[in-house]
Every structure is written in structure tokens, then in C-alpha cells.
Protein backbone atom coordinates (compact mmCIF):
# COMPACT_ATOMS: atom_id res chain seq x y z
CA MET A 1 206.20 69.25 14.10
CA SER A 2 202.47 68.58 13.48
CA VAL A 3 199.94 65.66 14.77
CA ARG A 4 197.63 64.95 11.92
CA SER A 5 194.66 62.40 13.56
CA THR A 6 193.87 59.56 10.97
CA PRO A 7 189.82 59.44 10.03
CA LYS A 8 188.37 56.31 11.82
CA THR A 9 185.57 54.56 10.95
CA THR A 10 183.33 52.40 12.96
CA ILE A 11 180.19 50.47 12.08
CA ASP A 12 178.29 48.45 14.34
CA VAL A 13 175.53 46.50 13.22
CA ILE A 14 173.36 44.72 15.57
CA VAL A 15 170.59 42.31 14.00
CA ALA A 16 168.45 41.94 16.95
CA ALA A 17 165.44 40.60 15.81
CA ASN A 18 165.13 36.56 14.89
CA THR A 19 163.08 37.45 11.52
CA TRP A 20 166.33 38.85 10.12
CA LYS A 21 168.38 36.31 11.32
CA ARG A 22 165.85 33.41 9.50
CA ARG A 23 165.20 35.43 6.71
CA LEU A 24 168.55 36.90 5.57
CA ARG A 25 171.79 35.23 7.07
CA THR A 26 173.92 37.77 6.19
CA ALA A 27 171.85 40.92 7.10
CA GLY A 28 174.66 42.39 8.73
CA ALA A 29 177.58 41.87 6.99
CA VAL A 30 175.02 43.43 3.94
CA CYS A 31 174.54 46.40 6.04
CA ARG A 32 178.20 46.35 6.82
CA ARG A 33 179.08 46.53 2.95
CA ALA A 34 176.80 49.06 1.94
CA THR A 35 177.61 51.04 4.45
CA GLU A 36 181.11 51.17 3.55
CA ALA A 37 180.25 51.45 0.13
CA ALA A 38 178.02 54.67 0.78
CA LEU A 39 180.94 55.76 3.11
CA ALA A 40 183.48 55.67 -0.35
CA ALA A 41 181.41 57.35 -2.29
CA ALA A 42 180.29 60.75 -0.03
CA GLY A 43 184.12 61.42 -0.63
CA PRO A 44 187.22 62.62 1.67
CA LYS A 45 187.85 60.47 4.91
CA ARG A 46 186.72 62.10 8.13
CA THR A 47 186.05 60.28 11.54
CA VAL A 48 182.51 58.54 11.06
CA GLU A 49 180.47 55.91 13.53
CA VAL A 50 177.14 54.25 12.41
CA SER A 51 174.97 52.22 14.10
CA ILE A 52 172.45 49.63 12.49
CA LEU A 53 169.66 47.88 14.70
CA LEU A 54 167.60 45.49 12.23
CA THR A 55 164.69 44.56 14.91
CA SER A 56 161.08 44.18 14.87
CA ASP A 57 158.24 46.25 13.90
CA ALA A 58 157.13 46.35 17.76
CA ALA A 59 160.70 47.12 19.18
CA LEU A 60 160.80 50.05 16.26
CA ARG A 61 157.36 51.34 17.38
CA LYS A 62 158.93 51.65 20.90
CA LEU A 63 161.95 53.36 20.05
CA ASN A 64 159.50 56.10 17.67
CA VAL A 65 157.43 56.71 20.36
CA VAL A 66 160.25 57.63 22.73
CA PHE A 67 162.28 59.45 20.53
CA ARG A 68 160.10 61.01 18.16
CA GLY A 69 156.76 60.96 19.91
CA LYS A 70 154.95 58.89 17.17
CA ASP A 71 153.40 55.55 18.21
CA LYS A 72 153.68 53.84 14.91
CA PRO A 73 156.68 51.92 13.90
CA THR A 74 159.27 53.66 11.43
CA ASN A 75 162.11 52.46 9.10
CA VAL A 76 164.51 54.51 10.04
CA LEU A 77 165.41 56.66 13.07
CA SER A 78 168.55 59.09 12.76
CA PHE A 79 170.03 61.00 15.15
CA PRO A 80 172.78 64.04 14.99
CA ALA A 81 176.15 63.20 16.32
CA GLY A 82 176.90 63.93 19.93
CA HIS A 83 173.41 62.49 20.94
């Protein structure tokens, strides 16, 4: 008897900046739906973890300095699995 694991999708959306909450109250839901659509279009199911942080330029600038050594805001920071 073989045991097959079932693919699991985890999507975490954190809306950390009040600007996002004021301007687009459904920002978290929009991100979740867009991620689900992209994963569905990507093909065969496999275990996937996606984390999305909606925050301010100031917070993104700090993260960009820490992870990329660039002292400016960015619109995307991505990391390989396992980091």
C-alpha cells in the first residue's frame, strides 16, 4: 500500500499599513483571490506557501535594506523556499 500526500496550499495575507485598509478594504481578499487564480493557472497541484505583506513604503525600505542592501522602497521582495 502506498501513501500519497495531498498537496496543501497556504496563503497568508497581512495588511499592516492603515493606508491599505482605508483605500482598499478588501485588499486581503483581492490578494488571496489573485494568488489562487495564479496557482490554478500554474498547472499541477503541489504544496505551496505564499505570504503577502501589504505595508508602507517606509517599512518596505527597511526590509529592502536588510535583505538586499538597497536603501529604497521596493514593490516586491521574494525569497526561495526554505529561507
